[in-house]
Amino acid sequence: MTLFSDILAVFRRYLHADAMLSGWIAEFDGALREEGNELVFTLPGLFEFCLRHKLFNAPDIQYPQFRAAVYQNPTNTEVNAMGGNLRIYANAGKVDASLYALTRPPIGTDASLTQTD
């Protein structure tokens, strides 16, 4: 499994309201939080969260690799195919300082079930 696949797996779990992931989000003290039906995060916050909960298959992933995987792959296209939406929540002028939001469709709607599941 590639790093990009690992990142998409985290997004997929959020989009499908995975109970374990939601619990981890609620307890996380970094730059990642849930606001309604959105996961709001900085890229460093998402990276730290994934490391803390061992969500990457490779144990020695570094932040620059993570950021490259997000930006050098069709992340938005893949998230849209899963029924979600990834957007800039608050632009801080720098990639690492900006906030991003992953929005999930209401649970139980047709949009919450996709071909990639």
N, C-alpha and C. Protein backbone atom coordinates (compact mmCIF):
# COMPACT_ATOMS: atom_id res chain seq x y z
N MET A 1 0.85 -1.18 0.00
CA MET A 1 0.00 0.00 0.00
C MET A 1 0.90 1.24 0.00
N THR A 2 0.56 2.22 -0.78
CA THR A 2 1.36 3.43 -0.86
C THR A 2 0.94 4.43 0.20
N LEU A 3 1.79 5.41 0.42
CA LEU A 3 1.46 6.48 1.36
C LEU A 3 0.18 7.19 0.95
N PHE A 4 0.02 7.45 -0.34
CA PHE A 4 -1.20 8.11 -0.81
C PHE A 4 -2.43 7.26 -0.49
N SER A 5 -2.33 5.96 -0.66
CA SER A 5 -3.43 5.06 -0.32
C SER A 5 -3.75 5.12 1.17
N ASP A 6 -2.71 5.22 2.00
CA ASP A 6 -2.92 5.34 3.44
C ASP A 6 -3.68 6.62 3.78
N ILE A 7 -3.30 7.72 3.14
CA ILE A 7 -3.98 9.00 3.37
C ILE A 7 -5.44 8.90 2.95
N LEU A 8 -5.67 8.33 1.77
CA LEU A 8 -7.06 8.17 1.31
C LEU A 8 -7.86 7.27 2.24
N ALA A 9 -7.22 6.28 2.82
CA ALA A 9 -7.92 5.39 3.76
C ALA A 9 -8.39 6.17 4.99
N VAL A 10 -7.58 7.10 5.47
CA VAL A 10 -7.99 7.94 6.60
C VAL A 10 -9.18 8.80 6.20
N PHE A 11 -9.10 9.42 5.03
CA PHE A 11 -10.22 10.24 4.56
C PHE A 11 -11.48 9.41 4.39
N ARG A 12 -11.34 8.21 3.85
CA ARG A 12 -12.49 7.32 3.66
C ARG A 12 -13.14 6.97 5.00
N ARG A 13 -12.31 6.66 5.98
CA ARG A 13 -12.83 6.34 7.31
C ARG A 13 -13.61 7.52 7.88
N TYR A 14 -13.09 8.73 7.69
CA TYR A 14 -13.81 9.91 8.18
C TYR A 14 -15.14 10.07 7.43
N LEU A 15 -15.09 9.94 6.13
CA LEU A 15 -16.30 10.11 5.33
C LEU A 15 -17.38 9.11 5.70
N HIS A 16 -16.99 7.96 6.20
CA HIS A 16 -17.95 6.92 6.58
C HIS A 16 -18.20 6.90 8.09
N ALA A 17 -17.82 7.98 8.76
CA ALA A 17 -18.09 8.16 10.19
C ALA A 17 -17.59 6.98 11.03
N ASP A 18 -16.38 6.53 10.76
CA ASP A 18 -15.77 5.45 11.52
C ASP A 18 -15.71 5.83 13.01
N ALA A 19 -16.31 5.02 13.86
CA ALA A 19 -16.43 5.34 15.29
C ALA A 19 -15.07 5.44 15.97
N MET A 20 -14.16 4.53 15.66
CA MET A 20 -12.84 4.57 16.29
C MET A 20 -12.10 5.85 15.90
N LEU A 21 -12.12 6.18 14.62
CA LEU A 21 -11.46 7.39 14.14
C LEU A 21 -12.07 8.62 14.80
N SER A 22 -13.39 8.66 14.90
CA SER A 22 -14.07 9.80 15.53
C SER A 22 -13.63 9.97 16.99
N GLY A 23 -13.47 8.86 17.70
CA GLY A 23 -12.99 8.92 19.08
C GLY A 23 -11.59 9.48 19.16
N TRP A 24 -10.73 9.04 18.27
CA TRP A 24 -9.36 9.56 18.24
C TRP A 24 -9.35 11.05 17.94
N ILE A 25 -10.20 11.48 17.02
CA ILE A 25 -10.28 12.90 16.67
C ILE A 25 -10.70 13.71 17.88
N ALA A 26 -11.71 13.24 18.60
CA ALA A 26 -12.21 13.95 19.77
C ALA A 26 -11.14 14.11 20.85
N GLU A 27 -10.25 13.14 20.96
CA GLU A 27 -9.20 13.16 21.99
C GLU A 27 -7.91 13.84 21.54
N PHE A 28 -7.79 14.13 20.26
CA PHE A 28 -6.54 14.67 19.72
C PHE A 28 -6.35 16.11 20.16
N ASP A 29 -5.13 16.45 20.58
CA ASP A 29 -4.85 17.80 21.06
C ASP A 29 -4.02 18.62 20.08
N GLY A 30 -3.97 18.20 18.84
CA GLY A 30 -3.20 18.91 17.82
C GLY A 30 -4.10 19.70 16.89
N ALA A 31 -3.54 20.07 15.74
CA ALA A 31 -4.23 20.91 14.76
C ALA A 31 -5.13 20.07 13.85
N LEU A 32 -6.09 19.40 14.47
CA LEU A 32 -7.06 18.58 13.76
C LEU A 32 -8.28 18.46 14.67
N ARG A 33 -9.44 18.80 14.14
CA ARG A 33 -10.66 18.75 14.95
C ARG A 33 -11.86 18.53 14.05
N GLU A 34 -12.95 18.15 14.66
CA GLU A 34 -14.19 17.97 13.92
C GLU A 34 -15.11 19.15 14.22
N GLU A 35 -15.69 19.71 13.17
CA GLU A 35 -16.68 20.78 13.29
C GLU A 35 -17.89 20.37 12.48
N GLY A 36 -18.93 19.91 13.15
CA GLY A 36 -20.11 19.43 12.43
C GLY A 36 -19.75 18.25 11.57
N ASN A 37 -20.00 18.38 10.27
CA ASN A 37 -19.68 17.29 9.34
C ASN A 37 -18.37 17.54 8.59
N GLU A 38 -17.47 18.30 9.23
CA GLU A 38 -16.18 18.59 8.61
C GLU A 38 -15.03 18.22 9.53
N LEU A 39 -13.99 17.67 8.93
CA LEU A 39 -12.72 17.45 9.60
C LEU A 39 -11.84 18.63 9.21
N VAL A 40 -11.47 19.45 10.18
CA VAL A 40 -10.68 20.66 9.94
C VAL A 40 -9.27 20.38 10.45
N PHE A 41 -8.26 20.66 9.63
CA PHE A 41 -6.90 20.30 9.99
C PHE A 41 -5.88 21.14 9.24
N THR A 42 -4.68 21.20 9.80
CA THR A 42 -3.51 21.65 9.04
C THR A 42 -2.85 20.38 8.52
N LEU A 43 -2.04 20.50 7.51
CA LEU A 43 -1.33 19.31 7.03
C LEU A 43 -0.41 18.74 8.10
N PRO A 44 0.36 19.59 8.84
CA PRO A 44 1.16 19.02 9.92
C PRO A 44 0.30 18.34 10.99
N GLY A 45 -0.87 18.89 11.27
CA GLY A 45 -1.77 18.28 12.25
C GLY A 45 -2.28 16.93 11.79
N LEU A 46 -2.66 16.82 10.53
CA LEU A 46 -3.11 15.54 9.99
C LEU A 46 -1.98 14.52 10.01
N PHE A 47 -0.79 14.96 9.67
CA PHE A 47 0.38 14.07 9.69
C PHE A 47 0.64 13.55 11.10
N GLU A 48 0.65 14.45 12.07
CA GLU A 48 0.88 14.06 13.47
C GLU A 48 -0.20 13.08 13.95
N PHE A 49 -1.45 13.36 13.60
CA PHE A 49 -2.56 12.48 13.97
C PHE A 49 -2.35 11.07 13.39
N CYS A 50 -2.00 11.01 12.13
CA CYS A 50 -1.79 9.72 11.47
C CYS A 50 -0.62 8.96 12.08
N LEU A 51 0.45 9.67 12.42
CA LEU A 51 1.59 9.01 13.08
C LEU A 51 1.19 8.48 14.45
N ARG A 52 0.51 9.31 15.22
CA ARG A 52 0.14 8.93 16.58
C ARG A 52 -0.71 7.66 16.60
N HIS A 53 -1.57 7.51 15.61
CA HIS A 53 -2.49 6.37 15.58
C HIS A 53 -2.05 5.29 14.60
N LYS A 54 -0.80 5.39 14.15
CA LYS A 54 -0.19 4.35 13.29
C LYS A 54 -1.05 4.05 12.06
N LEU A 55 -1.45 5.12 11.37
CA LEU A 55 -2.31 4.99 10.20
C LEU A 55 -1.53 4.89 8.89
N PHE A 56 -0.20 4.94 8.98
CA PHE A 56 0.64 4.73 7.81
C PHE A 56 1.22 3.32 7.88
N ASN A 57 1.26 2.63 6.77
CA ASN A 57 1.83 1.28 6.75
C ASN A 57 3.34 1.29 6.90
N ALA A 58 4.00 2.31 6.36
CA ALA A 58 5.45 2.43 6.51
C ALA A 58 5.76 3.17 7.81
N PRO A 59 6.66 2.65 8.64
CA PRO A 59 6.90 3.24 9.95
C PRO A 59 7.77 4.50 9.95
N ASP A 60 8.46 4.77 8.87
CA ASP A 60 9.44 5.86 8.87
C ASP A 60 9.07 7.01 7.94
N ILE A 61 7.80 7.29 7.80
CA ILE A 61 7.34 8.39 6.94
C ILE A 61 7.73 9.72 7.57
N GLN A 62 8.25 10.62 6.75
CA GLN A 62 8.60 11.97 7.19
C GLN A 62 7.59 12.96 6.61
N TYR A 63 7.45 14.10 7.28
CA TYR A 63 6.46 15.08 6.85
C TYR A 63 6.61 15.51 5.39
N PRO A 64 7.81 15.79 4.89
CA PRO A 64 7.92 16.18 3.47
C PRO A 64 7.35 15.13 2.51
N GLN A 65 7.54 13.84 2.83
CA GLN A 65 6.97 12.77 2.00
C GLN A 65 5.44 12.82 2.05
N PHE A 66 4.91 13.04 3.23
CA PHE A 66 3.47 13.11 3.42
C PHE A 66 2.87 14.27 2.60
N ARG A 67 3.47 15.44 2.74
CA ARG A 67 2.96 16.61 2.03
C ARG A 67 3.04 16.40 0.52
N ALA A 68 4.13 15.82 0.05
CA ALA A 68 4.26 15.54 -1.38
C ALA A 68 3.19 14.56 -1.84
N ALA A 69 2.89 13.56 -1.03
CA ALA A 69 1.86 12.58 -1.40
C ALA A 69 0.50 13.25 -1.55
N VAL A 70 0.20 14.22 -0.70
CA VAL A 70 -1.07 14.94 -0.79
C VAL A 70 -1.12 15.79 -2.05
N TYR A 71 -0.02 16.50 -2.33
CA TYR A 71 -0.02 17.47 -3.43
C TYR A 71 0.35 16.90 -4.79
N GLN A 72 1.03 15.77 -4.85
CA GLN A 72 1.46 15.22 -6.13
C GLN A 72 0.55 14.10 -6.63
N ASN A 73 -0.61 13.98 -6.03
CA ASN A 73 -1.58 12.97 -6.42
C ASN A 73 -2.95 13.63 -6.58
N PRO A 74 -3.88 12.95 -7.20
CA PRO A 74 -5.21 13.53 -7.44
C PRO A 74 -6.10 13.43 -6.19
N THR A 75 -5.65 14.06 -5.10
CA THR A 75 -6.34 13.95 -3.82
C THR A 75 -7.79 14.42 -3.92
N ASN A 76 -8.02 15.61 -4.47
CA ASN A 76 -9.39 16.12 -4.57
C ASN A 76 -10.28 15.22 -5.42
N THR A 77 -9.75 14.73 -6.52
CA THR A 77 -10.52 13.84 -7.39
C THR A 77 -10.92 12.58 -6.64
N GLU A 78 -9.99 12.00 -5.91
CA GLU A 78 -10.28 10.77 -5.16
C GLU A 78 -11.28 11.02 -4.04
N VAL A 79 -11.12 12.13 -3.32
CA VAL A 79 -12.07 12.46 -2.25
C VAL A 79 -13.46 12.70 -2.82
N ASN A 80 -13.54 13.39 -3.94
CA ASN A 80 -14.84 13.62 -4.58
C ASN A 80 -15.48 12.30 -4.99
N ALA A 81 -14.69 11.36 -5.50
CA ALA A 81 -15.21 10.05 -5.90
C ALA A 81 -15.75 9.28 -4.70
N MET A 82 -15.24 9.59 -3.50
CA MET A 82 -15.73 8.94 -2.28
C MET A 82 -16.97 9.65 -1.72
N GLY A 83 -17.38 10.74 -2.38
CA GLY A 83 -18.55 11.48 -1.92
C GLY A 83 -18.24 12.64 -1.00
N GLY A 84 -16.95 12.92 -0.81
CA GLY A 84 -16.56 14.01 0.07
C GLY A 84 -16.11 15.24 -0.70
N ASN A 85 -15.71 16.24 0.05
CA ASN A 85 -15.21 17.48 -0.54
C ASN A 85 -14.04 17.96 0.31
N LEU A 86 -12.93 18.26 -0.32
CA LEU A 86 -11.75 18.77 0.37
C LEU A 86 -11.52 20.19 -0.11
N ARG A 87 -11.39 21.11 0.85
CA ARG A 87 -11.25 22.53 0.48
C ARG A 87 -10.35 23.25 1.47
N ILE A 88 -9.92 24.44 1.07
CA ILE A 88 -9.20 25.31 2.00
C ILE A 88 -10.23 25.94 2.91
N TYR A 89 -10.05 25.78 4.20
CA TYR A 89 -10.97 26.30 5.21
C TYR A 89 -10.56 27.72 5.62
N ALA A 90 -9.26 27.92 5.80
CA ALA A 90 -8.71 29.24 6.15
C ALA A 90 -7.31 29.33 5.56
N ASN A 91 -7.14 30.21 4.59
CA ASN A 91 -5.86 30.37 3.92
C ASN A 91 -4.95 31.26 4.75
N ALA A 92 -3.84 30.71 5.21
CA ALA A 92 -2.88 31.46 6.01
C ALA A 92 -1.70 31.92 5.17
N GLY A 93 -1.77 31.70 3.85
CA GLY A 93 -0.70 32.13 2.97
C GLY A 93 0.43 31.12 2.83
N LYS A 94 0.45 30.10 3.66
CA LYS A 94 1.46 29.05 3.59
C LYS A 94 0.75 27.71 3.71
N VAL A 95 1.19 26.76 2.91
CA VAL A 95 0.56 25.44 2.86
C VAL A 95 0.49 24.81 4.25
N ASP A 96 1.58 24.89 5.00
CA ASP A 96 1.63 24.21 6.29
C ASP A 96 0.83 24.92 7.38
N ALA A 97 0.53 26.19 7.20
CA ALA A 97 -0.22 26.93 8.22
C ALA A 97 -1.71 27.04 7.89
N SER A 98 -2.07 26.84 6.64
CA SER A 98 -3.48 26.94 6.25
C SER A 98 -4.29 25.80 6.84
N LEU A 99 -5.57 26.07 7.06
CA LEU A 99 -6.50 25.04 7.52
C LEU A 99 -7.25 24.49 6.32
N TYR A 100 -7.47 23.20 6.33
CA TYR A 100 -8.22 22.50 5.29
C TYR A 100 -9.43 21.85 5.93
N ALA A 101 -10.46 21.60 5.13
CA ALA A 101 -11.65 20.94 5.64
C ALA A 101 -12.05 19.81 4.70
N LEU A 102 -12.28 18.66 5.29
CA LEU A 102 -12.82 17.51 4.58
C LEU A 102 -14.28 17.40 5.00
N THR A 103 -15.18 17.62 4.05
CA THR A 103 -16.61 17.60 4.35
C THR A 103 -17.20 16.28 3.92
N ARG A 104 -17.98 15.68 4.81
CA ARG A 104 -18.62 14.42 4.46
C ARG A 104 -20.11 14.66 4.20
N PRO A 105 -20.69 13.84 3.33
CA PRO A 105 -22.13 13.95 3.08
C PRO A 105 -22.89 13.47 4.31
N PRO A 106 -24.14 13.88 4.45
CA PRO A 106 -24.94 13.38 5.56
C PRO A 106 -24.98 11.85 5.53
N ILE A 107 -24.83 11.24 6.69
CA ILE A 107 -24.82 9.78 6.80
C ILE A 107 -26.16 9.22 6.33
N GLY A 108 -26.07 8.17 5.51
CA GLY A 108 -27.28 7.52 5.02
C GLY A 108 -27.77 8.03 3.68
N THR A 109 -27.12 9.08 3.16
CA THR A 109 -27.53 9.58 1.85
C THR A 109 -26.82 8.79 0.77
N ASP A 110 -27.33 8.87 -0.45
CA ASP A 110 -26.70 8.17 -1.57
C ASP A 110 -25.25 8.62 -1.74
N ALA A 111 -24.96 9.89 -1.45
CA ALA A 111 -23.61 10.41 -1.63
C ALA A 111 -22.62 9.79 -0.65
N SER A 112 -23.11 9.22 0.46
CA SER A 112 -22.19 8.62 1.43
C SER A 112 -21.77 7.20 1.02
N LEU A 113 -22.38 6.67 -0.03
CA LEU A 113 -22.03 5.35 -0.55
C LEU A 113 -21.53 5.51 -1.97
N THR A 114 -20.29 5.09 -2.22
CA THR A 114 -19.70 5.31 -3.54
C THR A 114 -19.14 4.01 -4.09
N GLN A 115 -18.74 4.07 -5.34
CA GLN A 115 -18.19 2.90 -6.01
C GLN A 115 -16.83 2.49 -5.45
N THR A 116 -16.10 3.39 -4.80
CA THR A 116 -14.76 3.07 -4.33
C THR A 116 -14.77 2.42 -2.96
N ASP A 117 -15.93 2.17 -2.40
CA ASP A 117 -16.01 1.57 -1.06
C ASP A 117 -15.87 0.08 -1.10
